[in-house]
C-alpha atoms as a PDB file:
ATOM      1  CA  UNK A   1      11.373   6.137  28.161  1.00  0.00           C
ATOM      2  CA  UNK A   2       8.584   3.614  28.428  1.00  0.00           C
ATOM      3  CA  UNK A   3       8.031   3.740  24.661  1.00  0.00           C
ATOM      4  CA  UNK A   4      10.851   2.679  22.360  1.00  0.00           C
ATOM      5  CA  UNK A   5      10.659   3.818  18.750  1.00  0.00           C
ATOM      6  CA  UNK A   6      13.176   2.484  16.221  1.00  0.00           C
ATOM      7  CA  UNK A   7      15.846   5.137  15.697  1.00  0.00           C
ATOM      8  CA  UNK A   8      15.514   5.091  11.941  1.00  0.00           C
ATOM      9  CA  UNK A   9      11.899   6.243  12.180  1.00  0.00           C
ATOM     10  CA  UNK A  10      12.818   9.595  13.690  1.00  0.00           C
ATOM     11  CA  UNK A  11      14.804  10.471  10.595  1.00  0.00           C
ATOM     12  CA  UNK A  12      11.851  10.218   8.266  1.00  0.00           C
ATOM     13  CA  UNK A  13      10.557  13.458   6.822  1.00  0.00           C
ATOM     14  CA  UNK A  14       7.273  14.551   8.349  1.00  0.00           C
ATOM     15  CA  UNK A  15       4.471  14.099   5.829  1.00  0.00           C
ATOM     16  CA  UNK A  16       1.201  16.014   5.641  1.00  0.00           C
ATOM     17  CA  UNK A  17      -1.767  14.308   7.218  1.00  0.00           C
ATOM     18  CA  UNK A  18      -4.571  13.275   4.882  1.00  0.00           C
ATOM     19  CA  UNK A  19      -6.819  11.096   7.033  1.00  0.00           C
ATOM     20  CA  UNK A  20      -8.713  11.178  10.262  1.00  0.00           C
ATOM     21  CA  UNK A  21      -6.932   7.983  11.316  1.00  0.00           C
ATOM     22  CA  UNK A  22      -4.066  10.226  12.455  1.00  0.00           C
ATOM     23  CA  UNK A  23      -3.919  13.490  14.372  1.00  0.00           C
ATOM     24  CA  UNK A  24      -3.164  16.734  12.570  1.00  0.00           C
ATOM     25  CA  UNK A  25       0.405  17.987  12.633  1.00  0.00           C
ATOM     26  CA  UNK A  26       0.997  20.615  15.288  1.00  0.00           C
ATOM     27  CA  UNK A  27       2.921  23.830  14.766  1.00  0.00           C
ATOM     28  CA  UNK A  28       2.219  25.634  18.036  1.00  0.00           C
ATOM     29  CA  UNK A  29       0.645  24.839  21.388  1.00  0.00           C
ATOM     30  CA  UNK A  30      -1.529  26.805  23.745  1.00  0.00           C
ATOM     31  CA  UNK A  31      -2.450  26.111  27.365  1.00  0.00           C
ATOM     32  CA  UNK A  32      -5.665  24.527  28.507  1.00  0.00           C
ATOM     33  CA  UNK A  33      -6.857  27.940  29.628  1.00  0.00           C
ATOM     34  CA  UNK A  34      -6.349  29.673  26.272  1.00  0.00           C
ATOM     35  CA  UNK A  35      -8.730  32.527  25.554  1.00  0.00           C
ATOM     36  CA  UNK A  36     -11.994  31.646  23.885  1.00  0.00           C
ATOM     37  CA  UNK A  37     -12.492  32.556  20.261  1.00  0.00           C
ATOM     38  CA  UNK A  38     -15.023  35.246  19.461  1.00  0.00           C
ATOM     39  CA  UNK A  39     -17.046  33.159  17.022  1.00  0.00           C
ATOM     40  CA  UNK A  40     -20.744  33.518  17.722  1.00  0.00           C
ATOM     41  CA  UNK A  41     -21.826  30.098  16.477  1.00  0.00           C
ATOM     42  CA  UNK A  42     -21.308  26.497  17.494  1.00  0.00           C
ATOM     43  CA  UNK A  43     -19.501  24.243  15.081  1.00  0.00           C
ATOM     44  CA  UNK A  44     -21.000  20.998  13.834  1.00  0.00           C
ATOM     45  CA  UNK A  45     -19.736  17.531  14.718  1.00  0.00           C
ATOM     46  CA  UNK A  46     -18.054  17.336  11.299  1.00  0.00           C
ATOM     47  CA  UNK A  47     -16.271  20.636  11.935  1.00  0.00           C
ATOM     48  CA  UNK A  48     -15.077  19.435  15.334  1.00  0.00           C
ATOM     49  CA  UNK A  49     -13.791  16.203  13.816  1.00  0.00           C
ATOM     50  CA  UNK A  50     -11.772  18.317  11.379  1.00  0.00           C
ATOM     51  CA  UNK A  51     -10.386  20.469  14.187  1.00  0.00           C
ATOM     52  CA  UNK A  52     -12.628  23.499  13.777  1.00  0.00           C
ATOM     53  CA  UNK A  53     -14.230  24.537  17.063  1.00  0.00           C
ATOM     54  CA  UNK A  54     -14.465  27.266  19.698  1.00  0.00           C
ATOM     55  CA  UNK A  55     -12.758  26.995  23.074  1.00  0.00           C
ATOM     56  CA  UNK A  56     -16.127  27.226  24.800  1.00  0.00           C
ATOM     57  CA  UNK A  57     -17.173  23.929  23.238  1.00  0.00           C
ATOM     58  CA  UNK A  58     -14.387  22.011  25.011  1.00  0.00           C
ATOM     59  CA  UNK A  59     -15.588  20.097  28.075  1.00  0.00           C
ATOM     60  CA  UNK A  60     -13.702  18.063  30.669  1.00  0.00           C
ATOM     61  CA  UNK A  61     -13.594  14.308  30.167  1.00  0.00           C
ATOM     62  CA  UNK A  62     -12.953  11.305  32.396  1.00  0.00           C
ATOM     63  CA  UNK A  63     -11.127   8.047  31.784  1.00  0.00           C
ATOM     64  CA  UNK A  64     -14.493   6.336  31.393  1.00  0.00           C
ATOM     65  CA  UNK A  65     -14.576   7.697  27.821  1.00  0.00           C
ATOM     66  CA  UNK A  66     -11.769   5.245  27.017  1.00  0.00           C
ATOM     67  CA  UNK A  67     -12.793   2.370  29.293  1.00  0.00           C
ATOM     68  CA  UNK A  68     -12.132  -1.129  28.048  1.00  0.00           C
ATOM     69  CA  UNK A  69      -9.546  -3.266  26.312  1.00  0.00           C
ATOM     70  CA  UNK A  70      -7.705  -1.793  23.308  1.00  0.00           C
ATOM     71  CA  UNK A  71      -5.314  -3.112  20.673  1.00  0.00           C
ATOM     72  CA  UNK A  72      -2.571  -1.282  18.805  1.00  0.00           C
ATOM     73  CA  UNK A  73      -2.979  -1.112  15.041  1.00  0.00           C
ATOM     74  CA  UNK A  74       0.794  -1.129  14.515  1.00  0.00           C
ATOM     75  CA  UNK A  75       1.024  -4.953  14.263  1.00  0.00           C
ATOM     76  CA  UNK A  76      -1.796  -4.874  11.710  1.00  0.00           C
ATOM     77  CA  UNK A  77       0.096  -2.379   9.575  1.00  0.00           C
ATOM     78  CA  UNK A  78       3.270  -4.471   9.769  1.00  0.00           C
ATOM     79  CA  UNK A  79       1.467  -7.690   8.840  1.00  0.00           C
ATOM     80  CA  UNK A  80      -0.107  -6.189   5.724  1.00  0.00           C
ATOM     81  CA  UNK A  81      -3.640  -6.316   7.125  1.00  0.00           C
ATOM     82  CA  UNK A  82      -4.011  -2.577   6.448  1.00  0.00           C
ATOM     83  CA  UNK A  83      -2.582  -2.627   2.916  1.00  0.00           C
ATOM     84  CA  UNK A  84      -6.077  -2.146   1.537  1.00  0.00           C
ATOM     85  CA  UNK A  85      -6.432   0.995   3.666  1.00  0.00           C
ATOM     86  CA  UNK A  86      -3.166   2.335   2.284  1.00  0.00           C
ATOM     87  CA  UNK A  87      -4.357   1.647  -1.258  1.00  0.00           C
ATOM     88  CA  UNK A  88      -7.625   3.453  -0.526  1.00  0.00           C
ATOM     89  CA  UNK A  89      -5.683   6.475   0.684  1.00  0.00           C
ATOM     90  CA  UNK A  90      -3.552   6.409  -2.461  1.00  0.00           C
ATOM     91  CA  UNK A  91      -6.669   6.459  -4.619  1.00  0.00           C
ATOM     92  CA  UNK A  92      -7.933   9.575  -2.864  1.00  0.00           C
ATOM     93  CA  UNK A  93      -4.691  11.290  -1.862  1.00  0.00           C
ATOM     94  CA  UNK A  94      -1.415  12.541  -3.238  1.00  0.00           C
ATOM     95  CA  UNK A  95       0.917   9.695  -2.289  1.00  0.00           C
ATOM     96  CA  UNK A  96       1.404   6.100  -3.324  1.00  0.00           C
ATOM     97  CA  UNK A  97       0.200   3.287  -1.103  1.00  0.00           C
ATOM     98  CA  UNK A  98       3.807   2.537  -0.171  1.00  0.00           C
ATOM     99  CA  UNK A  99       4.432   6.168   0.786  1.00  0.00           C
ATOM    100  CA  UNK A 100       1.367   6.146   3.005  1.00  0.00           C
ATOM    101  CA  UNK A 101       2.505   2.922   4.630  1.00  0.00           C
ATOM    102  CA  UNK A 102       5.898   4.459   5.371  1.00  0.00           C
ATOM    103  CA  UNK A 103       4.192   7.464   6.936  1.00  0.00           C
ATOM    104  CA  UNK A 104       2.033   5.294   9.180  1.00  0.00           C
ATOM    105  CA  UNK A 105       4.984   3.094  10.100  1.00  0.00           C
ATOM    106  CA  UNK A 106       6.298   6.179  11.876  1.00  0.00           C
ATOM    107  CA  UNK A 107       2.954   7.294  13.243  1.00  0.00           C
ATOM    108  CA  UNK A 108       1.686   3.978  14.586  1.00  0.00           C
ATOM    109  CA  UNK A 109       5.036   2.660  15.884  1.00  0.00           C
ATOM    110  CA  UNK A 110       4.905   1.329  19.451  1.00  0.00           C
ATOM    111  CA  UNK A 111       5.913  -1.700  21.486  1.00  0.00           C
ATOM    112  CA  UNK A 112       2.770  -1.446  23.631  1.00  0.00           C
ATOM    113  CA  UNK A 113       0.349  -3.660  21.755  1.00  0.00           C
ATOM    114  CA  UNK A 114      -2.489  -3.568  24.295  1.00  0.00           C
ATOM    115  CA  UNK A 115      -3.876  -1.095  26.849  1.00  0.00           C
ATOM    116  CA  UNK A 116      -6.592  -1.792  29.419  1.00  0.00           C
ATOM    117  CA  UNK A 117      -8.592   0.976  31.133  1.00  0.00           C
ATOM    118  CA  UNK A 118     -10.543   0.015  34.255  1.00  0.00           C
ATOM    119  CA  UNK A 119     -11.770   2.953  36.333  1.00  0.00           C
ATOM    120  CA  UNK A 120      -8.692   4.996  37.203  1.00  0.00           C
ATOM    121  CA  UNK A 121      -6.390   2.049  36.521  1.00  0.00           C
ATOM    122  CA  UNK A 122      -4.414   1.856  33.274  1.00  0.00           C
ATOM    123  CA  UNK A 123      -2.465  -1.267  32.315  1.00  0.00           C
ATOM    124  CA  UNK A 124       0.074  -1.167  29.499  1.00  0.00           C
ATOM    125  CA  UNK A 125       1.097  -4.480  27.959  1.00  0.00           C
ATOM    126  CA  UNK A 126       4.592  -4.387  26.548  1.00  0.00           C
ATOM    127  CA  UNK A 127       5.726  -7.650  24.997  1.00  0.00           C
ATOM    128  CA  UNK A 128       3.018  -9.328  27.065  1.00  0.00           C
ATOM    129  CA  UNK A 129       4.303  -7.855  30.346  1.00  0.00           C
ATOM    130  CA  UNK A 130       1.796  -5.641  32.222  1.00  0.00           C
ATOM    131  CA  UNK A 131       2.711  -2.297  33.774  1.00  0.00           C
ATOM    132  CA  UNK A 132      -0.059  -0.679  35.779  1.00  0.00           C
ATOM    133  CA  UNK A 133      -0.757   2.688  37.405  1.00  0.00           C
ATOM    134  CA  UNK A 134      -3.627   4.856  38.558  1.00  0.00           C
ATOM    135  CA  UNK A 135      -4.240   8.199  36.845  1.00  0.00           C
ATOM    136  CA  UNK A 136      -6.104  11.356  37.763  1.00  0.00           C
ATOM    137  CA  UNK A 137      -7.535  14.089  35.549  1.00  0.00           C
ATOM    138  CA  UNK A 138      -5.008  16.820  34.717  1.00  0.00           C
ATOM    139  CA  UNK A 139      -7.127  18.909  32.352  1.00  0.00           C
ATOM    140  CA  UNK A 140      -6.401  19.418  28.692  1.00  0.00           C
ATOM    141  CA  UNK A 141      -4.160  21.300  26.287  1.00  0.00           C
ATOM    142  CA  UNK A 142      -5.098  22.824  22.954  1.00  0.00           C
ATOM    143  CA  UNK A 143      -2.847  22.451  19.929  1.00  0.00           C
ATOM    144  CA  UNK A 144      -2.897  24.787  16.956  1.00  0.00           C
ATOM    145  CA  UNK A 145      -1.830  23.128  13.730  1.00  0.00           C
ATOM    146  CA  UNK A 146       0.026  24.430  10.723  1.00  0.00           C
ATOM    147  CA  UNK A 147      -3.063  24.104   8.534  1.00  0.00           C
ATOM    148  CA  UNK A 148      -5.022  26.371  10.884  1.00  0.00           C
ATOM    149  CA  UNK A 149      -7.187  23.717  12.512  1.00  0.00           C
ATOM    150  CA  UNK A 150      -6.796  22.655  16.120  1.00  0.00           C
ATOM    151  CA  UNK A 151      -6.861  19.653  18.398  1.00  0.00           C
ATOM    152  CA  UNK A 152      -7.304  18.879  22.085  1.00  0.00           C
ATOM    153  CA  UNK A 153      -5.125  16.600  24.205  1.00  0.00           C
ATOM    154  CA  UNK A 154      -6.924  15.317  27.304  1.00  0.00           C
ATOM    155  CA  UNK A 155      -4.288  14.767  29.983  1.00  0.00           C
ATOM    156  CA  UNK A 156      -4.120  12.401  32.957  1.00  0.00           C
ATOM    157  CA  UNK A 157      -1.330  12.261  35.536  1.00  0.00           C
ATOM    158  CA  UNK A 158      -0.084   9.231  37.451  1.00  0.00           C
ATOM    159  CA  UNK A 159      -1.184   9.131  41.075  1.00  0.00           C
ATOM    160  CA  UNK A 160       0.310   5.777  42.073  1.00  0.00           C
ATOM    161  CA  UNK A 161       1.459   2.517  40.565  1.00  0.00           C
ATOM    162  CA  UNK A 162       4.442   0.854  38.934  1.00  0.00           C
ATOM    163  CA  UNK A 163       7.560   2.958  38.561  1.00  0.00           C
ATOM    164  CA  UNK A 164       7.810   1.935  34.910  1.00  0.00           C
ATOM    165  CA  UNK A 165       4.424   3.468  34.113  1.00  0.00           C
ATOM    166  CA  UNK A 166       4.598   6.942  32.511  1.00  0.00           C
ATOM    167  CA  UNK A 167       3.818  10.029  34.577  1.00  0.00           C
ATOM    168  CA  UNK A 168       1.457  11.396  31.932  1.00  0.00           C
ATOM    169  CA  UNK A 169      -0.882  10.049  29.293  1.00  0.00           C
ATOM    170  CA  UNK A 170      -2.510  12.297  26.696  1.00  0.00           C
ATOM    171  CA  UNK A 171      -5.494  11.306  24.559  1.00  0.00           C
ATOM    172  CA  UNK A 172      -6.368  12.622  21.121  1.00  0.00           C
ATOM    173  CA  UNK A 173      -9.499  11.128  19.548  1.00  0.00           C
ATOM    174  CA  UNK A 174     -10.996  13.940  17.443  1.00  0.00           C
ATOM    175  CA  UNK A 175     -13.506  14.719  20.212  1.00  0.00           C
ATOM    176  CA  UNK A 176     -13.566  17.757  22.488  1.00  0.00           C
ATOM    177  CA  UNK A 177     -16.272  16.858  25.025  1.00  0.00           C
ATOM    178  CA  UNK A 178     -17.440  13.753  26.920  1.00  0.00           C
ATOM    179  CA  UNK A 179     -18.121  10.899  24.478  1.00  0.00           C
ATOM    180  CA  UNK A 180     -17.204   7.238  24.220  1.00  0.00           C
ATOM    181  CA  UNK A 181     -14.147   6.860  22.001  1.00  0.00           C
ATOM    182  CA  UNK A 182     -14.219   4.509  19.008  1.00  0.00           C
ATOM    183  CA  UNK A 183     -10.464   4.785  18.586  1.00  0.00           C
ATOM    184  CA  UNK A 184      -7.775   7.100  19.908  1.00  0.00           C
ATOM    185  CA  UNK A 185      -4.164   8.209  19.648  1.00  0.00           C
ATOM    186  CA  UNK A 186      -2.226   8.039  22.901  1.00  0.00           C
ATOM    187  CA  UNK A 187       0.915   9.895  23.917  1.00  0.00           C
ATOM    188  CA  UNK A 188       2.757   9.004  27.111  1.00  0.00           C
ATOM    189  CA  UNK A 189       5.883   9.980  28.973  1.00  0.00           C
ATOM    190  CA  UNK A 190       7.213  11.804  32.007  1.00  0.00           C
ATOM    191  CA  UNK A 191       7.253  15.367  30.641  1.00  0.00           C
ATOM    192  CA  UNK A 192       3.844  16.877  29.860  1.00  0.00           C
ATOM    193  CA  UNK A 193       5.198  19.798  27.836  1.00  0.00           C
ATOM    194  CA  UNK A 194       7.537  17.622  25.798  1.00  0.00           C
ATOM    195  CA  UNK A 195       4.680  15.284  24.898  1.00  0.00           C
ATOM    196  CA  UNK A 196       2.745  18.179  23.409  1.00  0.00           C
ATOM    197  CA  UNK A 197       5.544  18.665  20.887  1.00  0.00           C
ATOM    198  CA  UNK A 198       5.294  15.063  19.677  1.00  0.00           C
ATOM    199  CA  UNK A 199       3.427  15.067  16.391  1.00  0.00           C
ATOM    200  CA  UNK A 200       5.186  12.402  14.329  1.00  0.00           C
ATOM    201  CA  UNK A 201       4.491   9.346  16.489  1.00  0.00           C
ATOM    202  CA  UNK A 202       0.922   8.726  17.684  1.00  0.00           C
ATOM    203  CA  UNK A 203       0.296   5.116  18.750  1.00  0.00           C
ATOM    204  CA  UNK A 204      -3.269   4.339  17.745  1.00  0.00           C
ATOM    205  CA  UNK A 205      -5.711   1.955  19.405  1.00  0.00           C
ATOM    206  CA  UNK A 206      -9.009   0.307  18.454  1.00  0.00           C
ATOM    207  CA  UNK A 207     -11.229  -1.991  20.576  1.00  0.00           C
ATOM    208  CA  UNK A 208      -9.552  -5.319  21.249  1.00  0.00           C
ATOM    209  CA  UNK A 209     -12.580  -7.293  20.117  1.00  0.00           C
ATOM    210  CA  UNK A 210     -12.468  -5.931  16.565  1.00  0.00           C
ATOM    211  CA  UNK A 211     -10.887  -8.057  13.855  1.00  0.00           C
ATOM    212  CA  UNK A 212      -8.263  -6.706  11.480  1.00  0.00           C
ATOM    213  CA  UNK A 213     -10.886  -6.606   8.715  1.00  0.00           C
ATOM    214  CA  UNK A 214     -13.293  -4.634  10.897  1.00  0.00           C
ATOM    215  CA  UNK A 215     -10.627  -2.086  11.810  1.00  0.00           C
ATOM    216  CA  UNK A 216      -9.625  -1.698   8.170  1.00  0.00           C
ATOM    217  CA  UNK A 217     -13.278  -1.180   7.258  1.00  0.00           C
ATOM    218  CA  UNK A 218     -13.673   1.547   9.890  1.00  0.00           C
ATOM    219  CA  UNK A 219     -10.537   3.311   8.677  1.00  0.00           C
ATOM    220  CA  UNK A 220     -11.748   3.303   5.085  1.00  0.00           C
ATOM    221  CA  UNK A 221     -15.163   4.567   6.176  1.00  0.00           C
ATOM    222  CA  UNK A 222     -13.522   7.656   7.667  1.00  0.00           C
END
């Protein structure tokens, strides 16, 4: 696989999510054409962010929503730059700061420390080496989570490019309609269905021009 996760991480027990800096944990999946709910009202932006929405509110998105240069937050977690974020979570959650850090070590883990989106072109930087491909819109899939809330994965399929580039990329950014992302979780691989089952590892990216302190501040603000 293009992504290599340390073997020991897969053995960690899956913890419950307590922050919007990570996607909710999925229990079941439905197709992108799942039947619309019968709710008669639209949900607010806060509801949508929490995973509460109607199917009719979901709208197709393009790669332009994620255009630009993005950095992985995994190196920041490893360096200790996000220790303050972990402490903040501990003060408002049910785990210690160290337990949260362990959880995010699994979630954020990736060896792709930078991703560049330019039009339909996506360049992955792995250990400084670029791998590039062009991707086309492949719709979306809806996930239903154990807690009862839901999420949307926006999917793009490789059309051409380097053989090492994954066949599919799937975005999760707490949005369900066209909007410029401020951060996102990205899943990639060669099997679309298998990717939908991945809920323990969600490489997370913020704009490359943000400092570690600015990213930590944004995480705490959420």
